[in-house]
PDB file of all heavy atoms in Angstrom:
ATOM      1  N   LEU A   1      88.381 -24.386 -35.755  1.00  0.00           N
ATOM      2  CA  LEU A   1      88.432 -23.052 -35.112  1.00  0.00           C
ATOM      3  C   LEU A   1      86.997 -22.624 -34.756  1.00  0.00           C
ATOM      4  O   LEU A   1      85.977 -23.021 -35.381  1.00  0.00           O
ATOM      5  CB  LEU A   1      88.999 -22.033 -36.210  1.00  0.00           C
ATOM      6  CG  LEU A   1      90.318 -22.362 -36.795  1.00  0.00           C
ATOM      7  CD1 LEU A   1      90.728 -21.186 -37.738  1.00  0.00           C
ATOM      8  CD2 LEU A   1      91.337 -22.590 -35.681  1.00  0.00           C
ATOM      9  N   SER A   2      86.916 -21.859 -33.705  1.00  0.00           N
ATOM     10  CA  SER A   2      85.658 -21.319 -33.266  1.00  0.00           C
ATOM     11  C   SER A   2      85.748 -19.789 -33.127  1.00  0.00           C
ATOM     12  O   SER A   2      86.801 -19.224 -32.823  1.00  0.00           O
ATOM     13  CB  SER A   2      85.259 -21.832 -31.951  1.00  0.00           C
ATOM     14  OG  SER A   2      84.977 -23.240 -32.026  1.00  0.00           O
ATOM     15  N   CYS A   3      84.596 -19.117 -33.375  1.00  0.00           N
ATOM     16  CA  CYS A   3      84.565 -17.698 -33.254  1.00  0.00           C
ATOM     17  C   CYS A   3      83.295 -17.388 -32.384  1.00  0.00           C
ATOM     18  O   CYS A   3      82.129 -17.631 -32.772  1.00  0.00           O
ATOM     19  CB  CYS A   3      84.457 -17.044 -34.601  1.00  0.00           C
ATOM     20  SG  CYS A   3      84.115 -15.245 -34.510  1.00  0.00           S
ATOM     21  N   ALA A   4      83.586 -16.901 -31.133  1.00  0.00           N
ATOM     22  CA  ALA A   4      82.458 -16.622 -30.193  1.00  0.00           C
ATOM     23  C   ALA A   4      82.050 -15.142 -30.468  1.00  0.00           C
ATOM     24  O   ALA A   4      82.873 -14.233 -30.520  1.00  0.00           O
ATOM     25  CB  ALA A   4      82.845 -16.837 -28.812  1.00  0.00           C
ATOM     26  N   ALA A   5      80.729 -14.895 -30.661  1.00  0.00           N
ATOM     27  CA  ALA A   5      80.244 -13.567 -30.874  1.00  0.00           C
ATOM     28  C   ALA A   5      79.411 -13.111 -29.655  1.00  0.00           C
ATOM     29  O   ALA A   5      78.739 -13.848 -29.012  1.00  0.00           O
ATOM     30  CB  ALA A   5      79.353 -13.576 -32.077  1.00  0.00           C
ATOM     31  N   SER A   6      79.526 -11.833 -29.354  1.00  0.00           N
ATOM     32  CA  SER A   6      78.736 -11.213 -28.289  1.00  0.00           C
ATOM     33  C   SER A   6      78.069 -10.013 -28.903  1.00  0.00           C
ATOM     34  O   SER A   6      78.570  -9.344 -29.807  1.00  0.00           O
ATOM     35  CB  SER A   6      79.571 -10.842 -27.136  1.00  0.00           C
ATOM     36  OG  SER A   6      80.625  -9.935 -27.469  1.00  0.00           O
ATOM     37  N   GLY A   7      76.910  -9.597 -28.336  1.00  0.00           N
ATOM     38  CA  GLY A   7      76.137  -8.507 -28.841  1.00  0.00           C
ATOM     39  C   GLY A   7      74.761  -8.797 -29.293  1.00  0.00           C
ATOM     40  O   GLY A   7      74.596  -9.989 -29.696  1.00  0.00           O
ATOM     41  N   PRO A   8      73.837  -7.986 -29.095  1.00  0.00           N
ATOM     42  CA  PRO A   8      72.485  -8.291 -29.312  1.00  0.00           C
ATOM     43  C   PRO A   8      72.055  -8.545 -30.694  1.00  0.00           C
ATOM     44  O   PRO A   8      70.977  -9.098 -31.032  1.00  0.00           O
ATOM     45  CB  PRO A   8      71.757  -7.064 -28.710  1.00  0.00           C
ATOM     46  CG  PRO A   8      72.691  -5.999 -28.886  1.00  0.00           C
ATOM     47  CD  PRO A   8      74.060  -6.594 -28.650  1.00  0.00           C
ATOM     48  N   THR A   9      72.938  -8.122 -31.764  1.00  0.00           N
ATOM     49  CA  THR A   9      72.513  -8.187 -33.138  1.00  0.00           C
ATOM     50  C   THR A   9      73.278  -9.254 -33.921  1.00  0.00           C
ATOM     51  O   THR A   9      73.305  -9.233 -35.158  1.00  0.00           O
ATOM     52  CB  THR A   9      72.623  -6.798 -33.823  1.00  0.00           C
ATOM     53  OG1 THR A   9      74.063  -6.458 -33.705  1.00  0.00           O
ATOM     54  CG2 THR A   9      71.770  -5.764 -33.200  1.00  0.00           C
ATOM     55  N   PHE A  10      73.867 -10.186 -33.221  1.00  0.00           N
ATOM     56  CA  PHE A  10      74.646 -11.189 -33.883  1.00  0.00           C
ATOM     57  C   PHE A  10      73.823 -11.946 -34.953  1.00  0.00           C
ATOM     58  O   PHE A  10      74.358 -12.216 -35.979  1.00  0.00           O
ATOM     59  CB  PHE A  10      75.237 -12.275 -32.869  1.00  0.00           C
ATOM     60  CG  PHE A  10      75.784 -13.445 -33.499  1.00  0.00           C
ATOM     61  CD1 PHE A  10      77.051 -13.366 -34.143  1.00  0.00           C
ATOM     62  CD2 PHE A  10      75.072 -14.626 -33.536  1.00  0.00           C
ATOM     63  CE1 PHE A  10      77.567 -14.529 -34.710  1.00  0.00           C
ATOM     64  CE2 PHE A  10      75.653 -15.756 -34.082  1.00  0.00           C
ATOM     65  CZ  PHE A  10      76.888 -15.710 -34.707  1.00  0.00           C
ATOM     66  N   LYS A  11      72.570 -12.197 -34.628  1.00  0.00           N
ATOM     67  CA  LYS A  11      71.773 -13.023 -35.552  1.00  0.00           C
ATOM     68  C   LYS A  11      71.585 -12.276 -36.942  1.00  0.00           C
ATOM     69  O   LYS A  11      71.185 -12.942 -37.845  1.00  0.00           O
ATOM     70  CB  LYS A  11      70.455 -13.251 -34.992  1.00  0.00           C
ATOM     71  CG  LYS A  11      69.612 -12.063 -34.638  1.00  0.00           C
ATOM     72  CD  LYS A  11      68.275 -12.416 -34.058  1.00  0.00           C
ATOM     73  CE  LYS A  11      67.414 -11.156 -33.691  1.00  0.00           C
ATOM     74  NZ  LYS A  11      67.141 -10.386 -34.931  1.00  0.00           N
ATOM     75  N   ASP A  12      71.880 -11.019 -37.006  1.00  0.00           N
ATOM     76  CA  ASP A  12      71.654 -10.280 -38.246  1.00  0.00           C
ATOM     77  C   ASP A  12      72.871 -10.202 -39.084  1.00  0.00           C
ATOM     78  O   ASP A  12      72.863  -9.783 -40.243  1.00  0.00           O
ATOM     79  CB  ASP A  12      71.281  -8.866 -37.948  1.00  0.00           C
ATOM     80  CG  ASP A  12      69.916  -8.760 -37.168  1.00  0.00           C
ATOM     81  OD1 ASP A  12      69.047  -9.597 -37.432  1.00  0.00           O
ATOM     82  OD2 ASP A  12      69.800  -7.861 -36.315  1.00  0.00           O
ATOM     83  N   TYR A  13      74.045 -10.693 -38.586  1.00  0.00           N
ATOM     84  CA  TYR A  13      75.269 -10.597 -39.321  1.00  0.00           C
ATOM     85  C   TYR A  13      75.604 -11.846 -40.161  1.00  0.00           C
ATOM     86  O   TYR A  13      75.355 -12.955 -39.714  1.00  0.00           O
ATOM     87  CB  TYR A  13      76.427 -10.413 -38.350  1.00  0.00           C
ATOM     88  CG  TYR A  13      76.599  -8.988 -37.793  1.00  0.00           C
ATOM     89  CD1 TYR A  13      75.930  -8.603 -36.617  1.00  0.00           C
ATOM     90  CD2 TYR A  13      77.349  -8.097 -38.431  1.00  0.00           C
ATOM     91  CE1 TYR A  13      76.051  -7.322 -36.158  1.00  0.00           C
ATOM     92  CE2 TYR A  13      77.508  -6.773 -37.955  1.00  0.00           C
ATOM     93  CZ  TYR A  13      76.875  -6.441 -36.797  1.00  0.00           C
ATOM     94  OH  TYR A  13      76.973  -5.173 -36.274  1.00  0.00           O
ATOM     95  N   ASN A  14      76.102 -11.572 -41.324  1.00  0.00           N
ATOM     96  CA  ASN A  14      76.801 -12.673 -42.087  1.00  0.00           C
ATOM     97  C   ASN A  14      78.196 -12.761 -41.491  1.00  0.00           C
ATOM     98  O   ASN A  14      78.792 -11.768 -41.064  1.00  0.00           O
ATOM     99  CB  ASN A  14      76.922 -12.279 -43.626  1.00  0.00           C
ATOM    100  CG  ASN A  14      75.591 -11.937 -44.180  1.00  0.00           C
ATOM    101  OD1 ASN A  14      74.700 -12.794 -44.196  1.00  0.00           O
ATOM    102  ND2 ASN A  14      75.403 -10.650 -44.612  1.00  0.00           N
ATOM    103  N   MET A  15      78.695 -14.034 -41.416  1.00  0.00           N
ATOM    104  CA  MET A  15      79.986 -14.289 -40.781  1.00  0.00           C
ATOM    105  C   MET A  15      80.972 -14.887 -41.666  1.00  0.00           C
ATOM    106  O   MET A  15      80.595 -15.733 -42.503  1.00  0.00           O
ATOM    107  CB  MET A  15      79.724 -15.098 -39.516  1.00  0.00           C
ATOM    108  CG  MET A  15      78.704 -14.648 -38.559  1.00  0.00           C
ATOM    109  SD  MET A  15      79.254 -13.241 -37.591  1.00  0.00           S
ATOM    110  CE  MET A  15      80.598 -13.931 -36.670  1.00  0.00           C
ATOM    111  N   GLY A  16      82.293 -14.570 -41.451  1.00  0.00           N
ATOM    112  CA  GLY A  16      83.235 -15.232 -42.311  1.00  0.00           C
ATOM    113  C   GLY A  16      84.542 -15.467 -41.711  1.00  0.00           C
ATOM    114  O   GLY A  16      84.810 -14.950 -40.598  1.00  0.00           O
ATOM    115  N   TRP A  17      85.499 -16.234 -42.365  1.00  0.00           N
ATOM    116  CA  TRP A  17      86.783 -16.464 -41.892  1.00  0.00           C
ATOM    117  C   TRP A  17      87.731 -15.913 -42.991  1.00  0.00           C
ATOM    118  O   TRP A  17      87.447 -16.140 -44.215  1.00  0.00           O
ATOM    119  CB  TRP A  17      87.039 -17.914 -41.646  1.00  0.00           C
ATOM    120  CG  TRP A  17      86.415 -18.481 -40.476  1.00  0.00           C
ATOM    121  CD1 TRP A  17      85.203 -19.163 -40.407  1.00  0.00           C
ATOM    122  CD2 TRP A  17      86.921 -18.471 -39.174  1.00  0.00           C
ATOM    123  NE1 TRP A  17      84.986 -19.466 -39.111  1.00  0.00           N
ATOM    124  CE2 TRP A  17      86.017 -19.065 -38.271  1.00  0.00           C
ATOM    125  CE3 TRP A  17      88.073 -17.963 -38.527  1.00  0.00           C
ATOM    126  CZ2 TRP A  17      86.172 -19.269 -36.891  1.00  0.00           C
ATOM    127  CZ3 TRP A  17      88.296 -18.095 -37.164  1.00  0.00           C
ATOM    128  CH2 TRP A  17      87.405 -18.741 -36.410  1.00  0.00           C
ATOM    129  N   PHE A  18      88.834 -15.353 -42.548  1.00  0.00           N
ATOM    130  CA  PHE A  18      89.856 -14.842 -43.400  1.00  0.00           C
ATOM    131  C   PHE A  18      91.196 -15.353 -42.846  1.00  0.00           C
ATOM    132  O   PHE A  18      91.274 -15.710 -41.681  1.00  0.00           O
ATOM    133  CB  PHE A  18      89.799 -13.320 -43.479  1.00  0.00           C
ATOM    134  CG  PHE A  18      88.554 -12.708 -44.052  1.00  0.00           C
ATOM    135  CD1 PHE A  18      87.436 -12.720 -43.285  1.00  0.00           C
ATOM    136  CD2 PHE A  18      88.497 -12.297 -45.369  1.00  0.00           C
ATOM    137  CE1 PHE A  18      86.180 -12.229 -43.797  1.00  0.00           C
ATOM    138  CE2 PHE A  18      87.336 -11.843 -45.889  1.00  0.00           C
ATOM    139  CZ  PHE A  18      86.196 -11.792 -45.170  1.00  0.00           C
ATOM    140  N   ARG A  19      92.208 -15.241 -43.616  1.00  0.00           N
ATOM    141  CA  ARG A  19      93.573 -15.614 -43.119  1.00  0.00           C
ATOM    142  C   ARG A  19      94.627 -14.755 -43.741  1.00  0.00           C
ATOM    143  O   ARG A  19      94.451 -14.204 -44.894  1.00  0.00           O
ATOM    144  CB  ARG A  19      93.811 -17.085 -43.365  1.00  0.00           C
ATOM    145  CG  ARG A  19      93.978 -17.451 -44.824  1.00  0.00           C
ATOM    146  CD  ARG A  19      94.095 -19.004 -44.945  1.00  0.00           C
ATOM    147  NE  ARG A  19      94.261 -19.384 -46.365  1.00  0.00           N
ATOM    148  CZ  ARG A  19      94.284 -20.650 -46.779  1.00  0.00           C
ATOM    149  NH1 ARG A  19      94.164 -21.681 -45.941  1.00  0.00           N
ATOM    150  NH2 ARG A  19      94.472 -20.922 -48.119  1.00  0.00           N
ATOM    151  N   GLN A  20      95.701 -14.642 -42.980  1.00  0.00           N
ATOM    152  CA  GLN A  20      96.888 -13.922 -43.499  1.00  0.00           C
ATOM    153  C   GLN A  20      98.108 -14.625 -43.174  1.00  0.00           C
ATOM    154  O   GLN A  20      98.380 -14.782 -41.922  1.00  0.00           O
ATOM    155  CB  GLN A  20      96.865 -12.418 -42.959  1.00  0.00           C
ATOM    156  CG  GLN A  20      97.924 -11.561 -43.569  1.00  0.00           C
ATOM    157  CD  GLN A  20      97.685 -10.096 -43.220  1.00  0.00           C
ATOM    158  OE1 GLN A  20      96.924  -9.713 -42.360  1.00  0.00           O
ATOM    159  NE2 GLN A  20      98.290  -9.235 -44.062  1.00  0.00           N
ATOM    160  N   ALA A  21      98.889 -15.028 -44.146  1.00  0.00           N
ATOM    161  CA  ALA A  21     100.198 -15.645 -43.910  1.00  0.00           C
ATOM    162  C   ALA A  21     101.230 -14.561 -43.884  1.00  0.00           C
ATOM    163  O   ALA A  21     101.028 -13.478 -44.429  1.00  0.00           O
ATOM    164  CB  ALA A  21     100.416 -16.608 -45.086  1.00  0.00           C
ATOM    165  N   VAL A  22     102.382 -14.879 -43.322  1.00  0.00           N
ATOM    166  CA  VAL A  22     103.467 -13.926 -43.226  1.00  0.00           C
ATOM    167  C   VAL A  22     103.878 -13.491 -44.618  1.00  0.00           C
ATOM    168  O   VAL A  22     104.108 -14.312 -45.500  1.00  0.00           O
ATOM    169  CB  VAL A  22     104.679 -14.638 -42.434  1.00  0.00           C
ATOM    170  CG1 VAL A  22     105.861 -13.677 -42.476  1.00  0.00           C
ATOM    171  CG2 VAL A  22     104.300 -14.892 -40.995  1.00  0.00           C
ATOM    172  N   GLY A  23     103.969 -12.214 -44.810  1.00  0.00           N
ATOM    173  CA  GLY A  23     104.428 -11.699 -46.059  1.00  0.00           C
ATOM    174  C   GLY A  23     103.358 -11.655 -47.149  1.00  0.00           C
ATOM    175  O   GLY A  23     103.683 -11.292 -48.277  1.00  0.00           O
ATOM    176  N   LYS A  24     102.130 -12.034 -46.789  1.00  0.00           N
ATOM    177  CA  LYS A  24     101.052 -12.031 -47.785  1.00  0.00           C
ATOM    178  C   LYS A  24      99.897 -11.114 -47.433  1.00  0.00           C
ATOM    179  O   LYS A  24      99.770 -10.782 -46.244  1.00  0.00           O
ATOM    180  CB  LYS A  24     100.609 -13.492 -48.056  1.00  0.00           C
ATOM    181  CG  LYS A  24     101.703 -14.406 -48.630  1.00  0.00           C
ATOM    182  CD  LYS A  24     101.117 -15.717 -49.077  1.00  0.00           C
ATOM    183  CE  LYS A  24     102.178 -16.571 -49.678  1.00  0.00           C
ATOM    184  NZ  LYS A  24     101.580 -17.899 -50.140  1.00  0.00           N
ATOM    185  N   GLU A  25      99.050 -10.869 -48.424  1.00  0.00           N
ATOM    186  CA  GLU A  25      97.861 -10.124 -48.115  1.00  0.00           C
ATOM    187  C   GLU A  25      96.817 -11.043 -47.413  1.00  0.00           C
ATOM    188  O   GLU A  25      96.803 -12.211 -47.602  1.00  0.00           O
ATOM    189  CB  GLU A  25      97.199  -9.633 -49.447  1.00  0.00           C
ATOM    190  CG  GLU A  25      98.130  -8.639 -50.179  1.00  0.00           C
ATOM    191  CD  GLU A  25      98.308  -7.356 -49.450  1.00  0.00           C
ATOM    192  OE1 GLU A  25      97.342  -6.823 -48.908  1.00  0.00           O
ATOM    193  OE2 GLU A  25      99.449  -6.780 -49.484  1.00  0.00           O
ATOM    194  N   ARG A  26      95.889 -10.390 -46.713  1.00  0.00           N
ATOM    195  CA  ARG A  26      94.806 -11.081 -46.098  1.00  0.00           C
ATOM    196  C   ARG A  26      93.916 -11.643 -47.219  1.00  0.00           C
ATOM    197  O   ARG A  26      93.639 -10.910 -48.199  1.00  0.00           O
ATOM    198  CB  ARG A  26      93.986 -10.225 -45.132  1.00  0.00           C
ATOM    199  CG  ARG A  26      93.011 -10.946 -44.301  1.00  0.00           C
ATOM    200  CD  ARG A  26      92.442 -10.034 -43.241  1.00  0.00           C
ATOM    201  NE  ARG A  26      93.376  -9.584 -42.341  1.00  0.00           N
ATOM    202  CZ  ARG A  26      93.130  -8.918 -41.172  1.00  0.00           C
ATOM    203  NH1 ARG A  26      91.893  -8.644 -40.841  1.00  0.00           N
ATOM    204  NH2 ARG A  26      94.124  -8.540 -40.413  1.00  0.00           N
ATOM    205  N   GLU A  27      93.416 -12.889 -47.035  1.00  0.00           N
ATOM    206  CA  GLU A  27      92.534 -13.467 -48.045  1.00  0.00           C
ATOM    207  C   GLU A  27      91.292 -14.035 -47.475  1.00  0.00           C
ATOM    208  O   GLU A  27      91.318 -14.518 -46.278  1.00  0.00           O
ATOM    209  CB  GLU A  27      93.334 -14.526 -48.856  1.00  0.00           C
ATOM    210  CG  GLU A  27      93.781 -15.730 -48.032  1.00  0.00           C
ATOM    211  CD  GLU A  27      94.389 -16.786 -48.883  1.00  0.00           C
ATOM    212  OE1 GLU A  27      94.601 -16.584 -50.167  1.00  0.00           O
ATOM    213  OE2 GLU A  27      94.840 -17.846 -48.296  1.00  0.00           O
ATOM    214  N   PHE A  28      90.293 -14.132 -48.256  1.00  0.00           N
ATOM    215  CA  PHE A  28      89.032 -14.695 -47.829  1.00  0.00           C
ATOM    216  C   PHE A  28      89.139 -16.209 -47.831  1.00  0.00           C
ATOM    217  O   PHE A  28      89.793 -16.817 -48.579  1.00  0.00           O
ATOM    218  CB  PHE A  28      87.901 -14.319 -48.823  1.00  0.00           C
ATOM    219  CG  PHE A  28      86.736 -15.046 -48.731  1.00  0.00           C
ATOM    220  CD1 PHE A  28      85.744 -14.711 -47.707  1.00  0.00           C
ATOM    221  CD2 PHE A  28      86.351 -16.121 -49.554  1.00  0.00           C
ATOM    222  CE1 PHE A  28      84.576 -15.441 -47.605  1.00  0.00           C
ATOM    223  CE2 PHE A  28      85.209 -16.831 -49.411  1.00  0.00           C
ATOM    224  CZ  PHE A  28      84.256 -16.470 -48.497  1.00  0.00           C
ATOM    225  N   VAL A  29      88.521 -16.897 -46.780  1.00  0.00           N
ATOM    226  CA  VAL A  29      88.497 -18.301 -46.690  1.00  0.00           C
ATOM    227  C   VAL A  29      87.085 -18.873 -46.851  1.00  0.00           C
ATOM    228  O   VAL A  29      86.857 -19.744 -47.731  1.00  0.00           O
ATOM    229  CB  VAL A  29      89.085 -18.716 -45.338  1.00  0.00           C
ATOM    230  CG1 VAL A  29      89.012 -20.217 -45.160  1.00  0.00           C
ATOM    231  CG2 VAL A  29      90.500 -18.275 -45.145  1.00  0.00           C
ATOM    232  N   ALA A  30      86.154 -18.434 -45.989  1.00  0.00           N
ATOM    233  CA  ALA A  30      84.795 -19.039 -46.018  1.00  0.00           C
ATOM    234  C   ALA A  30      83.819 -18.099 -45.397  1.00  0.00           C
ATOM    235  O   ALA A  30      84.271 -17.284 -44.558  1.00  0.00           O
ATOM    236  CB  ALA A  30      84.743 -20.446 -45.324  1.00  0.00           C
ATOM    237  N   ALA A  31      82.532 -18.155 -45.753  1.00  0.00           N
ATOM    238  CA  ALA A  31      81.563 -17.332 -45.181  1.00  0.00           C
ATOM    239  C   ALA A  31      80.207 -18.082 -44.992  1.00  0.00           C
ATOM    240  O   ALA A  31      79.923 -19.031 -45.859  1.00  0.00           O
ATOM    241  CB  ALA A  31      81.351 -16.056 -45.959  1.00  0.00           C
ATOM    242  N   VAL A  32      79.407 -17.710 -44.078  1.00  0.00           N
ATOM    243  CA  VAL A  32      78.039 -18.236 -43.878  1.00  0.00           C
ATOM    244  C   VAL A  32      77.130 -17.016 -43.628  1.00  0.00           C
ATOM    245  O   VAL A  32      77.474 -16.124 -42.929  1.00  0.00           O
ATOM    246  CB  VAL A  32      78.018 -19.183 -42.697  1.00  0.00           C
ATOM    247  CG1 VAL A  32      78.510 -18.567 -41.342  1.00  0.00           C
ATOM    248  CG2 VAL A  32      76.669 -19.901 -42.552  1.00  0.00           C
ATOM    249  N   ASP A  33      75.949 -17.113 -44.307  1.00  0.00           N
ATOM    250  CA  ASP A  33      75.048 -15.973 -44.162  1.00  0.00           C
ATOM    251  C   ASP A  33      74.284 -16.046 -42.864  1.00  0.00           C
ATOM    252  O   ASP A  33      74.459 -16.956 -42.041  1.00  0.00           O
ATOM    253  CB  ASP A  33      74.120 -15.975 -45.364  1.00  0.00           C
ATOM    254  CG  ASP A  33      73.044 -17.012 -45.364  1.00  0.00           C
ATOM    255  OD1 ASP A  33      72.888 -17.768 -44.359  1.00  0.00           O
ATOM    256  OD2 ASP A  33      72.295 -17.092 -46.370  1.00  0.00           O
ATOM    257  N   TRP A  34      73.457 -14.976 -42.646  1.00  0.00           N
ATOM    258  CA  TRP A  34      72.843 -14.779 -41.344  1.00  0.00           C
ATOM    259  C   TRP A  34      71.902 -15.975 -40.970  1.00  0.00           C
ATOM    260  O   TRP A  34      71.703 -16.247 -39.847  1.00  0.00           O
ATOM    261  CB  TRP A  34      72.046 -13.497 -41.382  1.00  0.00           C
ATOM    262  CG  TRP A  34      70.910 -13.477 -42.339  1.00  0.00           C
ATOM    263  CD1 TRP A  34      70.981 -13.117 -43.644  1.00  0.00           C
ATOM    264  CD2 TRP A  34      69.564 -13.964 -42.139  1.00  0.00           C
ATOM    265  NE1 TRP A  34      69.763 -13.364 -44.258  1.00  0.00           N
ATOM    266  CE2 TRP A  34      68.852 -13.859 -43.396  1.00  0.00           C
ATOM    267  CE3 TRP A  34      68.871 -14.512 -41.052  1.00  0.00           C
ATOM    268  CZ2 TRP A  34      67.578 -14.234 -43.526  1.00  0.00           C
ATOM    269  CZ3 TRP A  34      67.570 -14.837 -41.147  1.00  0.00           C
ATOM    270  CH2 TRP A  34      66.841 -14.692 -42.427  1.00  0.00           C
ATOM    271  N   SER A  35      71.381 -16.719 -42.032  1.00  0.00           N
ATOM    272  CA  SER A  35      70.434 -17.796 -41.792  1.00  0.00           C
ATOM    273  C   SER A  35      71.150 -19.025 -41.448  1.00  0.00           C
ATOM    274  O   SER A  35      70.541 -20.009 -40.809  1.00  0.00           O
ATOM    275  CB  SER A  35      69.569 -18.020 -43.012  1.00  0.00           C
ATOM    276  OG  SER A  35      70.338 -18.596 -44.059  1.00  0.00           O
ATOM    277  N   GLY A  36      72.428 -19.147 -41.836  1.00  0.00           N
ATOM    278  CA  GLY A  36      73.173 -20.395 -41.665  1.00  0.00           C
ATOM    279  C   GLY A  36      73.051 -21.324 -42.767  1.00  0.00           C
ATOM    280  O   GLY A  36      73.781 -22.365 -42.848  1.00  0.00           O
ATOM    281  N   PHE A  37      72.229 -21.031 -43.730  1.00  0.00           N
ATOM    282  CA  PHE A  37      71.971 -21.966 -44.844  1.00  0.00           C
ATOM    283  C   PHE A  37      72.830 -21.662 -46.101  1.00  0.00           C
ATOM    284  O   PHE A  37      73.134 -22.475 -46.869  1.00  0.00           O
ATOM    285  CB  PHE A  37      70.517 -21.984 -45.258  1.00  0.00           C
ATOM    286  CG  PHE A  37      69.647 -22.585 -44.167  1.00  0.00           C
ATOM    287  CD1 PHE A  37      68.871 -21.781 -43.348  1.00  0.00           C
ATOM    288  CD2 PHE A  37      69.596 -23.964 -44.045  1.00  0.00           C
ATOM    289  CE1 PHE A  37      68.103 -22.366 -42.411  1.00  0.00           C
ATOM    290  CE2 PHE A  37      68.834 -24.558 -43.098  1.00  0.00           C
ATOM    291  CZ  PHE A  37      68.055 -23.746 -42.235  1.00  0.00           C
ATOM    292  N   GLY A  38      73.254 -20.345 -46.180  1.00  0.00           N
ATOM    293  CA  GLY A  38      74.082 -19.969 -47.364  1.00  0.00           C
ATOM    294  C   GLY A  38      75.503 -20.027 -46.941  1.00  0.00           C
ATOM    295  O   GLY A  38      75.928 -19.380 -45.959  1.00  0.00           O
ATOM    296  N   THR A  39      76.404 -20.650 -47.738  1.00  0.00           N
ATOM    297  CA  THR A  39      77.823 -20.680 -47.538  1.00  0.00           C
ATOM    298  C   THR A  39      78.556 -20.424 -48.813  1.00  0.00           C
ATOM    299  O   THR A  39      78.041 -20.624 -49.918  1.00  0.00           O
ATOM    300  CB  THR A  39      78.303 -21.988 -46.951  1.00  0.00           C
ATOM    301  OG1 THR A  39      77.931 -23.065 -47.827  1.00  0.00           O
ATOM    302  CG2 THR A  39      77.639 -22.354 -45.624  1.00  0.00           C
ATOM    303  N   TYR A  40      79.856 -19.998 -48.618  1.00  0.00           N
ATOM    304  CA  TYR A  40      80.697 -19.667 -49.832  1.00  0.00           C
ATOM    305  C   TYR A  40      82.127 -19.911 -49.363  1.00  0.00           C
ATOM    306  O   TYR A  40      82.510 -19.619 -48.249  1.00  0.00           O
ATOM    307  CB  TYR A  40      80.440 -18.273 -50.202  1.00  0.00           C
ATOM    308  CG  TYR A  40      81.208 -17.823 -51.434  1.00  0.00           C
ATOM    309  CD1 TYR A  40      80.906 -18.355 -52.739  1.00  0.00           C
ATOM    310  CD2 TYR A  40      82.214 -16.909 -51.385  1.00  0.00           C
ATOM    311  CE1 TYR A  40      81.652 -18.040 -53.784  1.00  0.00           C
ATOM    312  CE2 TYR A  40      82.971 -16.463 -52.512  1.00  0.00           C
ATOM    313  CZ  TYR A  40      82.601 -17.056 -53.701  1.00  0.00           C
ATOM    314  OH  TYR A  40      83.359 -16.642 -54.834  1.00  0.00           O
TER     315      TYR A  40
END
C-alpha cells in the first residue's frame, strides 16, 4: 500500500496505517515517525 501526502508540512508529521474490518472497530497497524527511523 502507498499513501501520497501533499502539503508543505508533511516532513513534520508522524505517519501511520490503520484498518477497519466490517463490523469491527478501527485498529492501529503500524507507524513511522517524522524522521523515518522510528517505527512501531
